[in-house]
PDB file of N, CA and C in Angstrom:
ATOM      1  N   MET A   1      -5.857 -11.288  13.734  1.00  0.00           N
ATOM      2  CA  MET A   1      -5.561 -10.488  12.563  1.00  0.00           C
ATOM      3  C   MET A   1      -4.076 -10.169  12.561  1.00  0.00           C
ATOM      4  N   GLY A   2      -3.456 -10.231  11.401  1.00  0.00           N
ATOM      5  CA  GLY A   2      -2.017 -10.041  11.286  1.00  0.00           C
ATOM      6  C   GLY A   2      -1.629  -8.596  11.094  1.00  0.00           C
ATOM      7  N   ALA A   3      -0.385  -8.412  10.699  1.00  0.00           N
ATOM      8  CA  ALA A   3       0.158  -7.073  10.523  1.00  0.00           C
ATOM      9  C   ALA A   3       0.030  -6.641   9.068  1.00  0.00           C
ATOM     10  N   LYS A   4      -0.299  -5.380   8.872  1.00  0.00           N
ATOM     11  CA  LYS A   4      -0.434  -4.824   7.536  1.00  0.00           C
ATOM     12  C   LYS A   4       0.876  -4.145   7.154  1.00  0.00           C
ATOM     13  N   ILE A   5       1.316  -4.402   5.925  1.00  0.00           N
ATOM     14  CA  ILE A   5       2.598  -3.902   5.437  1.00  0.00           C
ATOM     15  C   ILE A   5       2.363  -3.017   4.220  1.00  0.00           C
ATOM     16  N   TYR A   6       3.029  -1.856   4.206  1.00  0.00           N
ATOM     17  CA  TYR A   6       3.021  -0.964   3.042  1.00  0.00           C
ATOM     18  C   TYR A   6       4.144  -1.387   2.113  1.00  0.00           C
ATOM     19  N   VAL A   7       3.851  -1.442   0.807  1.00  0.00           N
ATOM     20  CA  VAL A   7       4.858  -1.786  -0.192  1.00  0.00           C
ATOM     21  C   VAL A   7       4.845  -0.697  -1.258  1.00  0.00           C
ATOM     22  N   GLY A   8       5.910   0.098  -1.316  1.00  0.00           N
ATOM     23  CA  GLY A   8       6.010   1.174  -2.303  1.00  0.00           C
ATOM     24  C   GLY A   8       7.078   0.861  -3.337  1.00  0.00           C
ATOM     25  N   GLY A   9       7.052   1.593  -4.438  1.00  0.00           N
ATOM     26  CA  GLY A   9       8.038   1.412  -5.497  1.00  0.00           C
ATOM     27  C   GLY A   9       7.758   0.221  -6.390  1.00  0.00           C
ATOM     28  N   LEU A  10       6.511  -0.238  -6.399  1.00  0.00           N
ATOM     29  CA  LEU A  10       6.162  -1.397  -7.227  1.00  0.00           C
ATOM     30  C   LEU A  10       6.181  -1.024  -8.709  1.00  0.00           C
ATOM     31  N   PRO A  11       6.686  -1.914  -9.559  1.00  0.00           N
ATOM     32  CA  PRO A  11       6.526  -1.692 -11.000  1.00  0.00           C
ATOM     33  C   PRO A  11       5.027  -1.632 -11.313  1.00  0.00           C
ATOM     34  N   TYR A  12       4.644  -0.787 -12.237  1.00  0.00           N
ATOM     35  CA  TYR A  12       3.224  -0.576 -12.517  1.00  0.00           C
ATOM     36  C   TYR A  12       2.529  -1.809 -13.079  1.00  0.00           C
ATOM     37  N   ALA A  13       3.298  -2.750 -13.619  1.00  0.00           N
ATOM     38  CA  ALA A  13       2.706  -3.961 -14.195  1.00  0.00           C
ATOM     39  C   ALA A  13       2.535  -5.088 -13.178  1.00  0.00           C
ATOM     40  N   THR A  14       2.952  -4.872 -11.934  1.00  0.00           N
ATOM     41  CA  THR A  14       2.858  -5.912 -10.905  1.00  0.00           C
ATOM     42  C   THR A  14       1.399  -6.249 -10.626  1.00  0.00           C
ATOM     43  N   THR A  15       1.118  -7.555 -10.522  1.00  0.00           N
ATOM     44  CA  THR A  15      -0.238  -8.002 -10.196  1.00  0.00           C
ATOM     45  C   THR A  15      -0.323  -8.319  -8.704  1.00  0.00           C
ATOM     46  N   GLU A  16      -1.548  -8.416  -8.206  1.00  0.00           N
ATOM     47  CA  GLU A  16      -1.736  -8.775  -6.799  1.00  0.00           C
ATOM     48  C   GLU A  16      -1.233 -10.191  -6.533  1.00  0.00           C
ATOM     49  N   GLN A  17      -1.346 -11.073  -7.515  1.00  0.00           N
ATOM     50  CA  GLN A  17      -0.846 -12.440  -7.351  1.00  0.00           C
ATOM     51  C   GLN A  17       0.683 -12.439  -7.221  1.00  0.00           C
ATOM     52  N   GLN A  18       1.368 -11.633  -8.029  1.00  0.00           N
ATOM     53  CA  GLN A  18       2.828 -11.539  -7.931  1.00  0.00           C
ATOM     54  C   GLN A  18       3.240 -10.977  -6.575  1.00  0.00           C
ATOM     55  N   LEU A  19       2.512  -9.988  -6.091  1.00  0.00           N
ATOM     56  CA  LEU A  19       2.792  -9.401  -4.780  1.00  0.00           C
ATOM     57  C   LEU A  19       2.598 -10.444  -3.682  1.00  0.00           C
ATOM     58  N   SER A  20       1.522 -11.204  -3.769  1.00  0.00           N
ATOM     59  CA  SER A  20       1.254 -12.266  -2.800  1.00  0.00           C
ATOM     60  C   SER A  20       2.351 -13.331  -2.836  1.00  0.00           C
ATOM     61  N   ASP A  21       2.784 -13.716  -4.035  1.00  0.00           N
ATOM     62  CA  ASP A  21       3.843 -14.717  -4.173  1.00  0.00           C
ATOM     63  C   ASP A  21       5.166 -14.224  -3.584  1.00  0.00           C
ATOM     64  N   LEU A  22       5.483 -12.939  -3.811  1.00  0.00           N
ATOM     65  CA  LEU A  22       6.722 -12.352  -3.297  1.00  0.00           C
ATOM     66  C   LEU A  22       6.770 -12.440  -1.770  1.00  0.00           C
ATOM     67  N   PHE A  23       5.659 -12.082  -1.126  1.00  0.00           N
ATOM     68  CA  PHE A  23       5.608 -12.099   0.338  1.00  0.00           C
ATOM     69  C   PHE A  23       5.366 -13.497   0.885  1.00  0.00           C
ATOM     70  N   GLY A  24       4.772 -14.367   0.085  1.00  0.00           N
ATOM     71  CA  GLY A  24       4.505 -15.736   0.514  1.00  0.00           C
ATOM     72  C   GLY A  24       5.757 -16.512   0.852  1.00  0.00           C
ATOM     73  N   ALA A  25       6.892 -16.104   0.313  1.00  0.00           N
ATOM     74  CA  ALA A  25       8.158 -16.763   0.637  1.00  0.00           C
ATOM     75  C   ALA A  25       8.580 -16.496   2.081  1.00  0.00           C
ATOM     76  N   HIS A  26       7.921 -15.542   2.738  1.00  0.00           N
ATOM     77  CA  HIS A  26       8.312 -15.157   4.101  1.00  0.00           C
ATOM     78  C   HIS A  26       7.232 -15.454   5.133  1.00  0.00           C
ATOM     79  N   GLY A  27       6.140 -16.091   4.705  1.00  0.00           N
ATOM     80  CA  GLY A  27       5.070 -16.437   5.641  1.00  0.00           C
ATOM     81  C   GLY A  27       3.732 -16.476   4.933  1.00  0.00           C
ATOM     82  N   ALA A  28       2.702 -16.719   5.712  1.00  0.00           N
ATOM     83  CA  ALA A  28       1.351 -16.834   5.158  1.00  0.00           C
ATOM     84  C   ALA A  28       0.774 -15.451   4.874  1.00  0.00           C
ATOM     85  N   VAL A  29       0.355 -15.233   3.640  1.00  0.00           N
ATOM     86  CA  VAL A  29      -0.220 -13.957   3.224  1.00  0.00           C
ATOM     87  C   VAL A  29      -1.746 -14.034   3.358  1.00  0.00           C
ATOM     88  N   ALA A  30      -2.312 -13.142   4.169  1.00  0.00           N
ATOM     89  CA  ALA A  30      -3.760 -13.100   4.338  1.00  0.00           C
ATOM     90  C   ALA A  30      -4.411 -12.350   3.178  1.00  0.00           C
ATOM     91  N   SER A  31      -3.762 -11.280   2.713  1.00  0.00           N
ATOM     92  CA  SER A  31      -4.278 -10.529   1.571  1.00  0.00           C
ATOM     93  C   SER A  31      -3.165  -9.699   0.950  1.00  0.00           C
ATOM     94  N   ALA A  32      -3.308  -9.428  -0.343  1.00  0.00           N
ATOM     95  CA  ALA A  32      -2.369  -8.561  -1.060  1.00  0.00           C
ATOM     96  C   ALA A  32      -3.198  -7.675  -1.970  1.00  0.00           C
ATOM     97  N   ARG A  33      -2.993  -6.374  -1.883  1.00  0.00           N
ATOM     98  CA  ARG A  33      -3.801  -5.440  -2.660  1.00  0.00           C
ATOM     99  C   ARG A  33      -2.922  -4.356  -3.260  1.00  0.00           C
ATOM    100  N   ILE A  34      -3.066  -4.131  -4.553  1.00  0.00           N
ATOM    101  CA  ILE A  34      -2.367  -3.049  -5.232  1.00  0.00           C
ATOM    102  C   ILE A  34      -3.356  -1.903  -5.404  1.00  0.00           C
ATOM    103  N   ILE A  35      -2.920  -0.707  -5.061  1.00  0.00           N
ATOM    104  CA  ILE A  35      -3.787   0.460  -5.135  1.00  0.00           C
ATOM    105  C   ILE A  35      -3.778   0.988  -6.573  1.00  0.00           C
ATOM    106  N   THR A  36      -4.973   1.234  -7.090  1.00  0.00           N
ATOM    107  CA  THR A  36      -5.108   1.707  -8.465  1.00  0.00           C
ATOM    108  C   THR A  36      -5.793   3.065  -8.503  1.00  0.00           C
ATOM    109  N   ASP A  37      -5.541   3.785  -9.570  1.00  0.00           N
ATOM    110  CA  ASP A  37      -6.188   5.064  -9.804  1.00  0.00           C
ATOM    111  C   ASP A  37      -7.676   4.808 -10.052  1.00  0.00           C
ATOM    112  N   LYS A  38      -8.533   5.550  -9.382  1.00  0.00           N
ATOM    113  CA  LYS A  38      -9.963   5.253  -9.492  1.00  0.00           C
ATOM    114  C   LYS A  38     -10.560   5.632 -10.841  1.00  0.00           C
ATOM    115  N   PHE A  39      -9.884   6.469 -11.596  1.00  0.00           N
ATOM    116  CA  PHE A  39     -10.403   6.868 -12.902  1.00  0.00           C
ATOM    117  C   PHE A  39      -9.858   6.006 -14.037  1.00  0.00           C
ATOM    118  N   THR A  40      -8.562   5.695 -13.990  1.00  0.00           N
ATOM    119  CA  THR A  40      -7.944   4.946 -15.097  1.00  0.00           C
ATOM    120  C   THR A  40      -7.803   3.460 -14.811  1.00  0.00           C
ATOM    121  N   GLY A  41      -7.826   3.066 -13.532  1.00  0.00           N
ATOM    122  CA  GLY A  41      -7.623   1.672 -13.168  1.00  0.00           C
ATOM    123  C   GLY A  41      -6.168   1.251 -13.195  1.00  0.00           C
ATOM    124  N   GLN A  42      -5.258   2.175 -13.510  1.00  0.00           N
ATOM    125  CA  GLN A  42      -3.818   1.889 -13.554  1.00  0.00           C
ATOM    126  C   GLN A  42      -3.256   1.812 -12.137  1.00  0.00           C
ATOM    127  N   SER A  43      -2.245   0.967 -11.963  1.00  0.00           N
ATOM    128  CA  SER A  43      -1.565   0.868 -10.680  1.00  0.00           C
ATOM    129  C   SER A  43      -0.949   2.211 -10.315  1.00  0.00           C
ATOM    130  N   ARG A  44      -0.975   2.527  -9.021  1.00  0.00           N
ATOM    131  CA  ARG A  44      -0.328   3.754  -8.542  1.00  0.00           C
ATOM    132  C   ARG A  44       1.077   3.468  -8.027  1.00  0.00           C
ATOM    133  N   GLY A  45       1.530   2.202  -8.146  1.00  0.00           N
ATOM    134  CA  GLY A  45       2.903   1.875  -7.775  1.00  0.00           C
ATOM    135  C   GLY A  45       3.108   1.533  -6.313  1.00  0.00           C
ATOM    136  N   PHE A  46       2.000   1.307  -5.593  1.00  0.00           N
ATOM    137  CA  PHE A  46       2.146   0.870  -4.212  1.00  0.00           C
ATOM    138  C   PHE A  46       0.967  -0.012  -3.838  1.00  0.00           C
ATOM    139  N   GLY A  47       1.123  -0.708  -2.729  1.00  0.00           N
ATOM    140  CA  GLY A  47       0.067  -1.599  -2.279  1.00  0.00           C
ATOM    141  C   GLY A  47       0.244  -1.968  -0.827  1.00  0.00           C
ATOM    142  N   PHE A  48      -0.595  -2.905  -0.384  1.00  0.00           N
ATOM    143  CA  PHE A  48      -0.566  -3.361   1.000  1.00  0.00           C
ATOM    144  C   PHE A  48      -0.659  -4.877   1.028  1.00  0.00           C
ATOM    145  N   VAL A  49       0.086  -5.460   1.949  1.00  0.00           N
ATOM    146  CA  VAL A  49       0.049  -6.907   2.160  1.00  0.00           C
ATOM    147  C   VAL A  49      -0.261  -7.128   3.624  1.00  0.00           C
ATOM    148  N   GLU A  50      -1.165  -8.055   3.891  1.00  0.00           N
ATOM    149  CA  GLU A  50      -1.460  -8.411   5.274  1.00  0.00           C
ATOM    150  C   GLU A  50      -0.957  -9.820   5.513  1.00  0.00           C
ATOM    151  N   MET A  51      -0.080  -9.966   6.492  1.00  0.00           N
ATOM    152  CA  MET A  51       0.506 -11.260   6.842  1.00  0.00           C
ATOM    153  C   MET A  51      -0.277 -11.844   8.018  1.00  0.00           C
ATOM    154  N   SER A  52      -0.214 -13.171   8.153  1.00  0.00           N
ATOM    155  CA  SER A  52      -0.981 -13.855   9.195  1.00  0.00           C
ATOM    156  C   SER A  52      -0.490 -13.560  10.608  1.00  0.00           C
ATOM    157  N   SER A  53       0.799 -13.251  10.768  1.00  0.00           N
ATOM    158  CA  SER A  53       1.309 -12.955  12.109  1.00  0.00           C
ATOM    159  C   SER A  53       2.295 -11.798  12.063  1.00  0.00           C
ATOM    160  N   ASP A  54       2.474 -11.158  13.220  1.00  0.00           N
ATOM    161  CA  ASP A  54       3.422 -10.056  13.315  1.00  0.00           C
ATOM    162  C   ASP A  54       4.848 -10.519  13.029  1.00  0.00           C
ATOM    163  N   ALA A  55       5.195 -11.718  13.488  1.00  0.00           N
ATOM    164  CA  ALA A  55       6.553 -12.235  13.278  1.00  0.00           C
ATOM    165  C   ALA A  55       6.837 -12.417  11.788  1.00  0.00           C
ATOM    166  N   GLU A  56       5.856 -12.957  11.051  1.00  0.00           N
ATOM    167  CA  GLU A  56       6.030 -13.127   9.604  1.00  0.00           C
ATOM    168  C   GLU A  56       6.128 -11.777   8.909  1.00  0.00           C
ATOM    169  N   ALA A  57       5.337 -10.826   9.364  1.00  0.00           N
ATOM    170  CA  ALA A  57       5.376  -9.486   8.775  1.00  0.00           C
ATOM    171  C   ALA A  57       6.744  -8.843   8.992  1.00  0.00           C
ATOM    172  N   GLN A  58       7.281  -8.957  10.199  1.00  0.00           N
ATOM    173  CA  GLN A  58       8.594  -8.382  10.484  1.00  0.00           C
ATOM    174  C   GLN A  58       9.682  -9.052   9.661  1.00  0.00           C
ATOM    175  N   ALA A  59       9.579 -10.364   9.470  1.00  0.00           N
ATOM    176  CA  ALA A  59      10.554 -11.089   8.653  1.00  0.00           C
ATOM    177  C   ALA A  59      10.481 -10.631   7.199  1.00  0.00           C
ATOM    178  N   ALA A  60       9.272 -10.425   6.682  1.00  0.00           N
ATOM    179  CA  ALA A  60       9.095  -9.974   5.303  1.00  0.00           C
ATOM    180  C   ALA A  60       9.643  -8.560   5.112  1.00  0.00           C
ATOM    181  N   VAL A  61       9.373  -7.668   6.060  1.00  0.00           N
ATOM    182  CA  VAL A  61       9.883  -6.294   5.976  1.00  0.00           C
ATOM    183  C   VAL A  61      11.406  -6.314   5.961  1.00  0.00           C
ATOM    184  N   ALA A  62      12.001  -7.073   6.878  1.00  0.00           N
ATOM    185  CA  ALA A  62      13.465  -7.139   6.961  1.00  0.00           C
ATOM    186  C   ALA A  62      14.077  -7.708   5.685  1.00  0.00           C
ATOM    187  N   ALA A  63      13.423  -8.710   5.096  1.00  0.00           N
ATOM    188  CA  ALA A  63      13.982  -9.379   3.916  1.00  0.00           C
ATOM    189  C   ALA A  63      13.766  -8.586   2.635  1.00  0.00           C
ATOM    190  N   LEU A  64      12.664  -7.844   2.524  1.00  0.00           N
ATOM    191  CA  LEU A  64      12.303  -7.251   1.237  1.00  0.00           C
ATOM    192  C   LEU A  64      12.544  -5.746   1.116  1.00  0.00           C
ATOM    193  N   ASN A  65      12.654  -5.021   2.215  1.00  0.00           N
ATOM    194  CA  ASN A  65      12.875  -3.580   2.133  1.00  0.00           C
ATOM    195  C   ASN A  65      14.206  -3.287   1.437  1.00  0.00           C
ATOM    196  N   GLY A  66      14.164  -2.470   0.400  1.00  0.00           N
ATOM    197  CA  GLY A  66      15.382  -2.098  -0.323  1.00  0.00           C
ATOM    198  C   GLY A  66      15.759  -3.051  -1.447  1.00  0.00           C
ATOM    199  N   THR A  67      14.990  -4.131  -1.637  1.00  0.00           N
ATOM    200  CA  THR A  67      15.296  -5.069  -2.717  1.00  0.00           C
ATOM    201  C   THR A  67      14.725  -4.559  -4.038  1.00  0.00           C
ATOM    202  N   GLN A  68      15.149  -5.177  -5.132  1.00  0.00           N
ATOM    203  CA  GLN A  68      14.714  -4.779  -6.469  1.00  0.00           C
ATOM    204  C   GLN A  68      13.595  -5.697  -6.962  1.00  0.00           C
ATOM    205  N   LEU A  69      12.630  -5.108  -7.648  1.00  0.00           N
ATOM    206  CA  LEU A  69      11.584  -5.874  -8.329  1.00  0.00           C
ATOM    207  C   LEU A  69      11.317  -5.158  -9.646  1.00  0.00           C
ATOM    208  N   GLY A  70      11.573  -5.838 -10.745  1.00  0.00           N
ATOM    209  CA  GLY A  70      11.334  -5.239 -12.054  1.00  0.00           C
ATOM    210  C   GLY A  70      12.114  -3.966 -12.292  1.00  0.00           C
ATOM    211  N   GLY A  71      13.319  -3.888 -11.728  1.00  0.00           N
ATOM    212  CA  GLY A  71      14.158  -2.708 -11.918  1.00  0.00           C
ATOM    213  C   GLY A  71      13.846  -1.549 -10.989  1.00  0.00           C
ATOM    214  N   ARG A  72      12.929  -1.731 -10.064  1.00  0.00           N
ATOM    215  CA  ARG A  72      12.584  -0.671  -9.104  1.00  0.00           C
ATOM    216  C   ARG A  72      12.905  -1.133  -7.692  1.00  0.00           C
ATOM    217  N   THR A  73      13.313  -0.196  -6.848  1.00  0.00           N
ATOM    218  CA  THR A  73      13.641  -0.506  -5.459  1.00  0.00           C
ATOM    219  C   THR A  73      12.383  -0.420  -4.612  1.00  0.00           C
ATOM    220  N   LEU A  74      12.125  -1.493  -3.874  1.00  0.00           N
ATOM    221  CA  LEU A  74      10.931  -1.543  -3.031  1.00  0.00           C
ATOM    222  C   LEU A  74      11.156  -0.847  -1.696  1.00  0.00           C
ATOM    223  N   THR A  75      10.133  -0.158  -1.242  1.00  0.00           N
ATOM    224  CA  THR A  75      10.082   0.388   0.108  1.00  0.00           C
ATOM    225  C   THR A  75       9.048  -0.445   0.848  1.00  0.00           C
ATOM    226  N   VAL A  76       9.492  -1.177   1.859  1.00  0.00           N
ATOM    227  CA  VAL A  76       8.605  -2.087   2.579  1.00  0.00           C
ATOM    228  C   VAL A  76       8.689  -1.755   4.063  1.00  0.00           C
ATOM    229  N   ASN A  77       7.552  -1.385   4.667  1.00  0.00           N
ATOM    230  CA  ASN A  77       7.518  -1.117   6.100  1.00  0.00           C
ATOM    231  C   ASN A  77       6.119  -1.327   6.649  1.00  0.00           C
ATOM    232  N   GLU A  78       6.022  -1.261   7.961  1.00  0.00           N
ATOM    233  CA  GLU A  78       4.717  -1.447   8.602  1.00  0.00           C
ATOM    234  C   GLU A  78       3.801  -0.311   8.193  1.00  0.00           C
ATOM    235  N   ALA A  79       2.583  -0.651   7.797  1.00  0.00           N
ATOM    236  CA  ALA A  79       1.624   0.368   7.362  1.00  0.00           C
ATOM    237  C   ALA A  79       1.151   1.173   8.557  1.00  0.00           C
ATOM    238  N   ARG A  80       1.038   2.464   8.358  1.00  0.00           N
ATOM    239  CA  ARG A  80       0.483   3.337   9.391  1.00  0.00           C
ATOM    240  C   ARG A  80      -1.016   3.445   9.170  1.00  0.00           C
ATOM    241  N   PRO A  81      -1.778   3.724  10.222  1.00  0.00           N
ATOM    242  CA  PRO A  81      -3.227   3.889  10.040  1.00  0.00           C
ATOM    243  C   PRO A  81      -3.508   5.051   9.083  1.00  0.00           C
ATOM    244  N   GLN A  82      -4.568   4.914   8.296  1.00  0.00           N
ATOM    245  CA  GLN A  82      -4.920   5.961   7.345  1.00  0.00           C
ATOM    246  C   GLN A  82      -5.353   7.200   8.093  1.00  0.00           C
ATOM    247  N   GLU A  83      -4.835   8.354   7.646  1.00  0.00           N
ATOM    248  CA  GLU A  83      -5.203   9.612   8.271  1.00  0.00           C
ATOM    249  C   GLU A  83      -6.615   9.995   7.837  1.00  0.00           C
ATOM    250  N   PRO A  84      -7.410  10.522   8.760  1.00  0.00           N
ATOM    251  CA  PRO A  84      -8.759  10.929   8.352  1.00  0.00           C
ATOM    252  C   PRO A  84      -8.684  12.076   7.341  1.00  0.00           C
ATOM    253  N   ARG A  85      -9.531  11.983   6.337  1.00  0.00           N
ATOM    254  CA  ARG A  85      -9.553  13.033   5.323  1.00  0.00           C
ATOM    255  C   ARG A  85     -10.645  14.024   5.659  1.00  0.00           C
ATOM    256  N   SER A  86     -10.394  15.280   5.353  1.00  0.00           N
ATOM    257  CA  SER A  86     -11.442  16.263   5.568  1.00  0.00           C
ATOM    258  C   SER A  86     -12.399  16.204   4.392  1.00  0.00           C
ATOM    259  N   GLY A  87     -13.645  16.182   4.692  1.00  0.00           N
ATOM    260  CA  GLY A  87     -14.644  16.082   3.638  1.00  0.00           C
ATOM    261  C   GLY A  87     -14.993  17.452   3.089  1.00  0.00           C
ATOM    262  N   GLY A  88     -16.012  17.482   2.285  1.00  0.00           N
ATOM    263  CA  GLY A  88     -16.485  18.762   1.770  1.00  0.00           C
ATOM    264  C   GLY A  88     -15.603  19.295   0.671  1.00  0.00           C
ATOM    265  N   GLY A  89     -15.221  20.507   0.799  1.00  0.00           N
ATOM    266  CA  GLY A  89     -14.439  21.156  -0.234  1.00  0.00           C
ATOM    267  C   GLY A  89     -15.235  22.307  -0.789  1.00  0.00           C
ATOM    268  N   GLY A  90     -14.710  22.923  -1.779  1.00  0.00           N
ATOM    269  CA  GLY A  90     -15.450  23.962  -2.470  1.00  0.00           C
ATOM    270  C   GLY A  90     -15.465  25.298  -1.772  1.00  0.00           C
ATOM    271  N   ARG A  91     -16.331  25.480  -0.824  1.00  0.00           N
ATOM    272  CA  ARG A  91     -16.595  26.820  -0.316  1.00  0.00           C
ATOM    273  C   ARG A  91     -15.633  27.262   0.779  1.00  0.00           C
ATOM    274  N   GLY A  92     -15.167  26.381   1.604  1.00  0.00           N
ATOM    275  CA  GLY A  92     -14.144  26.715   2.586  1.00  0.00           C
ATOM    276  C   GLY A  92     -14.490  27.814   3.573  1.00  0.00           C
ATOM    277  N   GLY A  93     -15.772  27.989   3.904  1.00  0.00           N
ATOM    278  CA  GLY A  93     -16.121  28.975   4.931  1.00  0.00           C
ATOM    279  C   GLY A  93     -16.332  30.374   4.397  1.00  0.00           C
ATOM    280  N   PHE A  94     -16.167  30.569   3.107  1.00  0.00           N
ATOM    281  CA  PHE A  94     -16.437  31.880   2.540  1.00  0.00           C
ATOM    282  C   PHE A  94     -17.891  31.922   2.125  1.00  0.00           C
ATOM    283  N   GLY A  95     -18.448  33.021   2.139  1.00  0.00           N
ATOM    284  CA  GLY A  95     -19.837  33.074   1.706  1.00  0.00           C
ATOM    285  C   GLY A  95     -20.441  34.419   2.047  1.00  0.00           C
ATOM    286  N   GLY A  96     -21.723  34.411   2.004  1.00  0.00           N
ATOM    287  CA  GLY A  96     -22.430  35.650   2.329  1.00  0.00           C
ATOM    288  C   GLY A  96     -22.632  36.498   1.088  1.00  0.00           C
ATOM    289  N   GLY A  97     -23.439  37.446   1.257  1.00  0.00           N
ATOM    290  CA  GLY A  97     -23.748  38.345   0.151  1.00  0.00           C
ATOM    291  C   GLY A  97     -23.178  39.714   0.428  1.00  0.00           C
ATOM    292  N   ARG A  98     -23.724  40.667  -0.228  1.00  0.00           N
ATOM    293  CA  ARG A  98     -23.268  42.041  -0.011  1.00  0.00           C
ATOM    294  C   ARG A  98     -24.154  42.704   1.030  1.00  0.00           C
ATOM    295  N   GLY A  99     -23.541  43.591   1.770  1.00  0.00           N
ATOM    296  CA  GLY A  99     -24.304  44.195   2.841  1.00  0.00           C
ATOM    297  C   GLY A  99     -24.775  45.552   2.610  1.00  0.00           C
TER     298      GLY A  99
END
């Protein structure tokens, strides 16, 4: 399994195919995914690319970080593991009735 790369600052009209093509110039792309809003389906302006090897991923980060795409500056770096989210919500430990 290769290295996962975070890509921020994407123009909202960018497709996953365009993202794959952009990184394909620097090595074999295993997957390219643009993150979308779950309610509207609109791009959130960032995505993830998985390269076939760490060396290709490092070359892509070095070549593409800070470059322009569609008038926007890309932020390209190694993706960090997703932080666990706290579930639940709502009540937050408050409760009880009157005494």
